[in-house]
């Protein structure tokens, strides 16, 4: 499951970088960035919880 999250994060960040050069996709790009940031935080928190148990 963790691998899938990192793939999604990587794809969203790549799309964000591509979209940063195309201003017509501005709103979608920022939504993708927010989703990627949320997934990163979630993955870091979930990873730290599983290692402490």
C-alpha atoms as a PDB file:
ATOM      1  CA  UNK A   1       0.000   0.000   0.000  1.00  0.00           C
ATOM      2  CA  UNK A   2       2.844   2.368   0.795  1.00  0.00           C
ATOM      3  CA  UNK A   3       4.361   1.868  -2.652  1.00  0.00           C
ATOM      4  CA  UNK A   4       1.099   2.814  -4.322  1.00  0.00           C
ATOM      5  CA  UNK A   5       0.911   6.018  -2.272  1.00  0.00           C
ATOM      6  CA  UNK A   6       4.436   6.999  -3.280  1.00  0.00           C
ATOM      7  CA  UNK A   7       3.614   6.334  -6.960  1.00  0.00           C
ATOM      8  CA  UNK A   8       0.525   8.539  -6.684  1.00  0.00           C
ATOM      9  CA  UNK A   9       2.561  11.246  -4.953  1.00  0.00           C
ATOM     10  CA  UNK A  10       5.230  11.106  -7.650  1.00  0.00           C
ATOM     11  CA  UNK A  11       2.654  11.291 -10.451  1.00  0.00           C
ATOM     12  CA  UNK A  12       0.869  14.226  -8.847  1.00  0.00           C
ATOM     13  CA  UNK A  13       4.130  16.098  -8.404  1.00  0.00           C
ATOM     14  CA  UNK A  14       5.122  15.434 -12.019  1.00  0.00           C
ATOM     15  CA  UNK A  15       1.731  16.655 -13.217  1.00  0.00           C
ATOM     16  CA  UNK A  16       2.117  19.709 -10.993  1.00  0.00           C
ATOM     17  CA  UNK A  17       5.518  20.511 -12.477  1.00  0.00           C
ATOM     18  CA  UNK A  18       4.172  20.074 -16.012  1.00  0.00           C
ATOM     19  CA  UNK A  19       1.111  22.122 -15.187  1.00  0.00           C
ATOM     20  CA  UNK A  20       3.225  24.907 -13.707  1.00  0.00           C
ATOM     21  CA  UNK A  21       4.287  25.712 -17.265  1.00  0.00           C
ATOM     22  CA  UNK A  22       0.709  25.757 -18.562  1.00  0.00           C
ATOM     23  CA  UNK A  23      -1.319  28.444 -16.833  1.00  0.00           C
ATOM     24  CA  UNK A  24      -4.635  27.197 -18.258  1.00  0.00           C
ATOM     25  CA  UNK A  25      -4.522  24.272 -15.831  1.00  0.00           C
ATOM     26  CA  UNK A  26      -3.821  26.445 -12.803  1.00  0.00           C
ATOM     27  CA  UNK A  27      -6.652  25.293 -10.534  1.00  0.00           C
ATOM     28  CA  UNK A  28      -6.132  21.617 -11.296  1.00  0.00           C
ATOM     29  CA  UNK A  29      -2.414  21.984 -10.667  1.00  0.00           C
ATOM     30  CA  UNK A  30      -2.917  23.505  -7.222  1.00  0.00           C
ATOM     31  CA  UNK A  31      -5.452  20.832  -6.307  1.00  0.00           C
ATOM     32  CA  UNK A  32      -2.934  18.162  -7.360  1.00  0.00           C
ATOM     33  CA  UNK A  33      -0.251  19.841  -5.252  1.00  0.00           C
ATOM     34  CA  UNK A  34      -2.498  19.926  -2.183  1.00  0.00           C
ATOM     35  CA  UNK A  35      -3.461  16.271  -2.654  1.00  0.00           C
ATOM     36  CA  UNK A  36       0.210  15.306  -3.040  1.00  0.00           C
ATOM     37  CA  UNK A  37       1.131  17.213   0.126  1.00  0.00           C
ATOM     38  CA  UNK A  38      -1.686  15.546   2.078  1.00  0.00           C
ATOM     39  CA  UNK A  39      -0.593  12.113   0.872  1.00  0.00           C
ATOM     40  CA  UNK A  40       3.009  12.804   1.854  1.00  0.00           C
ATOM     41  CA  UNK A  41       2.013  13.867   5.364  1.00  0.00           C
ATOM     42  CA  UNK A  42      -0.347  10.898   5.710  1.00  0.00           C
ATOM     43  CA  UNK A  43       2.304   8.467   4.530  1.00  0.00           C
ATOM     44  CA  UNK A  44       4.905   9.890   6.912  1.00  0.00           C
ATOM     45  CA  UNK A  45       2.509   9.727   9.862  1.00  0.00           C
ATOM     46  CA  UNK A  46       1.272   6.249   9.001  1.00  0.00           C
ATOM     47  CA  UNK A  47       4.866   5.058   8.559  1.00  0.00           C
ATOM     48  CA  UNK A  48       5.962   6.456  11.899  1.00  0.00           C
ATOM     49  CA  UNK A  49       2.980   4.859  13.656  1.00  0.00           C
ATOM     50  CA  UNK A  50       3.687   1.429  12.223  1.00  0.00           C
ATOM     51  CA  UNK A  51       7.364   1.512  13.239  1.00  0.00           C
ATOM     52  CA  UNK A  52       6.681   2.459  16.877  1.00  0.00           C
ATOM     53  CA  UNK A  53       4.386  -0.485  17.580  1.00  0.00           C
END
